[in-house]
Amino acid sequence: GKRAPECVRANPYELIDEIPGIGWKTADKIATTIAYPKESPFRIRAGLLYVIGESENNGNTATVREILVRDAVIALSLATDQVTPVLDEMIAKEDVVLYARAGVVYVYSRPMWRAESGLAEAIAAMLQDDDGEAVEAAEAVARERDRKLALIGEALDCADDEAGARTAEWAIGLSKRNGGLS
């Protein structure tokens, strides 16, 4: 609305949550354009969340704290002593979750923490199943997935000829019709 320019000048990083398709890089370009302070806690927080998100996009459920700080320092072009206090504040406010295991401290985004801890609870419940049906069902699903992967792998191995290519297409199609690889 009418207050949009004022809000963007106050914190351009709010655009990340408010407008679909605007991520940290775009918000940071806008911030640079309006001469927003590079050392702003809003910018550092958004940069930390961006680095965590990139780590998740690369398949990680959590980021080692030291690596998070290092990567954020690089992304933000700031010093460690500028980034660490903002991360500490995010931890204190429970914007992110800290988890230590075997001497390594990990940082999770809240949504990933909920997903991973919920999955761990579900697996623990299955393992405690008195009659073992849940464990047997999970093992059956894993065996079927392995069978489908083996079929696809064999077909792809011989996909250099026309018959192999047709077999690969058939195996992949069969897998999709039967619910994918899960």
Protein backbone atom coordinates (compact mmCIF):
# COMPACT_ATOMS: atom_id res chain seq x y z
CA GLY A 1 0.00 0.00 0.00
CA LYS A 2 0.96 3.60 0.56
CA ARG A 3 3.44 2.65 3.28
CA ALA A 4 5.34 0.18 1.05
CA PRO A 5 8.26 2.51 0.22
CA GLU A 6 8.61 3.41 3.90
CA CYS A 7 8.58 -0.27 4.90
CA VAL A 8 11.16 -1.18 2.26
CA ARG A 9 13.45 1.62 3.45
CA ALA A 10 13.03 0.42 7.07
CA ASN A 11 13.79 -3.23 6.26
CA PRO A 12 14.04 -4.42 2.65
CA TYR A 13 14.55 -7.97 3.90
CA GLU A 14 10.89 -8.16 4.95
CA LEU A 15 10.16 -8.53 1.24
CA ILE A 16 11.49 -12.10 1.48
CA ASP A 17 8.55 -13.13 3.68
CA GLU A 18 5.99 -10.80 2.12
CA ILE A 19 6.38 -11.26 -1.63
CA PRO A 20 6.64 -14.70 -3.28
CA GLY A 21 9.65 -14.95 -5.54
CA ILE A 22 11.79 -12.43 -3.68
CA GLY A 23 14.70 -14.11 -2.00
CA TRP A 24 17.74 -12.93 -0.15
CA LYS A 25 19.76 -12.00 -3.24
CA THR A 26 16.99 -9.80 -4.65
CA ALA A 27 16.31 -8.18 -1.28
CA ASP A 28 20.04 -7.54 -0.87
CA LYS A 29 20.20 -5.88 -4.31
CA ILE A 30 17.28 -3.65 -3.33
CA ALA A 31 19.01 -2.86 -0.04
CA THR A 32 22.21 -1.91 -1.86
CA THR A 33 20.23 0.32 -4.23
CA ILE A 34 18.71 2.27 -1.35
CA ALA A 35 22.04 2.39 0.56
CA TYR A 36 20.73 0.19 3.39
CA PRO A 37 23.45 -0.51 6.01
CA LYS A 38 25.42 -3.69 5.26
CA GLU A 39 25.83 -4.37 9.00
CA SER A 40 22.10 -4.14 9.79
CA PRO A 41 20.90 -6.99 12.03
CA PHE A 42 17.95 -7.44 9.62
CA ARG A 43 20.40 -8.04 6.76
CA ILE A 44 22.57 -10.39 8.80
CA ARG A 45 19.54 -12.39 9.99
CA ALA A 46 18.23 -12.70 6.43
CA GLY A 47 21.72 -13.70 5.25
CA LEU A 48 22.01 -16.40 7.91
CA LEU A 49 18.59 -17.79 6.95
CA TYR A 50 19.64 -17.69 3.30
CA VAL A 51 22.79 -19.72 4.04
CA ILE A 52 20.77 -22.25 6.06
CA GLY A 53 18.27 -22.50 3.19
CA GLU A 54 21.04 -23.05 0.65
CA SER A 55 22.46 -25.81 2.85
CA GLU A 56 19.01 -27.43 2.99
CA ASN A 57 18.69 -27.12 -0.79
CA ASN A 58 21.96 -29.05 -1.01
CA GLY A 59 20.41 -31.90 0.99
CA ASN A 60 21.51 -31.02 4.51
CA THR A 61 18.96 -30.98 7.30
CA ALA A 62 21.23 -28.91 9.52
CA THR A 63 24.37 -26.83 9.18
CA VAL A 64 27.44 -27.06 11.39
CA ARG A 65 27.53 -23.78 13.31
CA GLU A 66 31.11 -22.90 12.33
CA ILE A 67 30.36 -23.56 8.66
CA LEU A 68 27.19 -21.49 8.86
CA VAL A 69 29.09 -18.54 10.32
CA ARG A 70 31.91 -18.91 7.78
CA ASP A 71 29.50 -19.07 4.82
CA ALA A 72 27.41 -16.18 6.15
CA VAL A 73 30.53 -14.04 6.60
CA ILE A 74 31.37 -14.70 2.95
CA ALA A 75 27.82 -14.10 1.66
CA LEU A 76 27.42 -10.92 3.71
CA SER A 77 30.99 -9.63 3.23
CA LEU A 78 31.16 -8.94 6.96
CA ALA A 79 33.37 -9.99 9.87
CA THR A 80 32.66 -12.95 12.13
CA ASP A 81 32.16 -10.67 15.13
CA GLN A 82 29.36 -8.91 13.22
CA VAL A 83 27.54 -12.16 12.29
CA THR A 84 27.89 -14.21 15.49
CA PRO A 85 25.87 -11.91 17.80
CA VAL A 86 22.92 -11.96 15.39
CA LEU A 87 23.06 -15.76 15.20
CA ASP A 88 23.20 -15.91 19.01
CA GLU A 89 20.11 -13.69 19.16
CA MET A 90 18.30 -15.92 16.64
CA ILE A 91 19.11 -18.93 18.81
CA ALA A 92 17.92 -17.14 21.97
CA LYS A 93 14.65 -16.16 20.25
CA GLU A 94 14.30 -19.73 18.91
CA ASP A 95 14.23 -18.52 15.31
CA VAL A 96 16.65 -21.40 14.68
CA VAL A 97 17.39 -24.53 16.71
CA LEU A 98 20.78 -25.48 18.09
CA TYR A 99 21.57 -29.18 18.48
CA ALA A 100 24.84 -30.69 19.69
CA ARG A 101 25.92 -34.26 19.04
CA ALA A 102 29.33 -35.84 19.47
CA GLY A 103 30.93 -32.46 20.08
CA VAL A 104 29.52 -30.90 16.89
CA VAL A 105 27.01 -28.04 17.13
CA TYR A 106 24.38 -27.95 14.38
CA VAL A 107 21.94 -25.17 13.48
CA TYR A 108 18.52 -26.12 12.10
CA SER A 109 15.83 -23.93 10.60
CA ARG A 110 12.63 -24.28 12.68
CA PRO A 111 10.71 -26.06 9.88
CA MET A 112 13.53 -28.54 9.24
CA TRP A 113 13.90 -29.21 12.98
CA ARG A 114 10.18 -29.98 13.23
CA ALA A 115 10.35 -32.26 10.20
CA GLU A 116 13.44 -34.15 11.30
CA SER A 117 12.42 -34.54 14.95
CA GLY A 118 8.91 -35.60 13.85
CA LEU A 119 10.41 -38.22 11.56
CA ALA A 120 12.69 -39.46 14.33
CA GLU A 121 9.68 -39.80 16.65
CA ALA A 122 7.74 -41.71 13.97
CA ILE A 123 10.63 -44.10 13.39
CA ALA A 124 11.06 -44.64 17.14
CA ALA A 125 7.34 -45.41 17.41
CA MET A 126 7.59 -47.91 14.54
CA LEU A 127 10.56 -49.62 16.15
CA GLN A 128 8.62 -49.97 19.40
CA ASP A 129 5.66 -51.53 17.60
CA ASP A 130 4.82 -54.67 19.59
CA ASP A 131 3.93 -56.93 16.69
CA GLY A 132 6.66 -55.69 14.36
CA GLU A 133 4.26 -55.02 11.47
CA ALA A 134 5.45 -51.44 10.97
CA VAL A 135 9.09 -52.52 10.78
CA GLU A 136 8.20 -55.31 8.33
CA ALA A 137 6.21 -52.86 6.19
CA ALA A 138 9.11 -50.40 6.11
CA GLU A 139 11.51 -53.18 5.15
CA ALA A 140 9.15 -54.31 2.38
CA VAL A 141 8.97 -50.77 0.99
CA ALA A 142 12.78 -50.55 1.06
CA ARG A 143 13.11 -53.92 -0.74
CA GLU A 144 10.65 -52.81 -3.43
CA ARG A 145 12.49 -49.52 -3.89
CA ASP A 146 15.78 -51.40 -4.22
CA ARG A 147 14.21 -53.74 -6.80
CA LYS A 148 12.95 -50.79 -8.86
CA LEU A 149 16.32 -49.05 -8.65
CA ALA A 150 18.07 -52.23 -9.77
CA LEU A 151 15.71 -52.58 -12.75
CA ILE A 152 16.27 -48.98 -13.77
CA GLY A 153 20.03 -49.32 -13.24
CA GLU A 154 20.22 -52.45 -15.40
CA ALA A 155 18.17 -50.79 -18.11
CA LEU A 156 20.32 -47.68 -18.05
CA ASP A 157 23.49 -49.79 -18.23
CA CYS A 158 22.39 -51.15 -21.58
CA ALA A 159 20.67 -47.96 -22.76
CA ASP A 160 23.36 -47.41 -25.37
CA ASP A 161 21.39 -49.56 -27.76
CA GLU A 162 17.80 -49.06 -28.88
CA ALA A 163 16.44 -52.07 -26.96
CA GLY A 164 18.16 -50.89 -23.79
CA ALA A 165 16.69 -47.42 -24.18
CA ARG A 166 13.19 -48.89 -24.56
CA THR A 167 13.76 -51.08 -21.48
CA ALA A 168 14.90 -48.05 -19.47
CA GLU A 169 11.82 -46.09 -20.54
CA TRP A 170 9.62 -49.06 -19.60
CA ALA A 171 11.25 -49.48 -16.17
CA ILE A 172 10.98 -45.79 -15.36
CA GLY A 173 7.36 -45.72 -16.55
CA LEU A 174 6.55 -48.80 -14.48
CA SER A 175 8.13 -47.18 -11.44
CA LYS A 176 6.09 -43.99 -11.92
CA ARG A 177 2.83 -45.92 -12.39
CA ASN A 178 3.53 -47.86 -9.22
CA GLY A 179 4.09 -44.83 -7.02
CA GLY A 180 7.68 -43.90 -7.80
CA LEU A 181 10.71 -45.21 -5.98
CA SER A 182 9.30 -45.04 -2.49
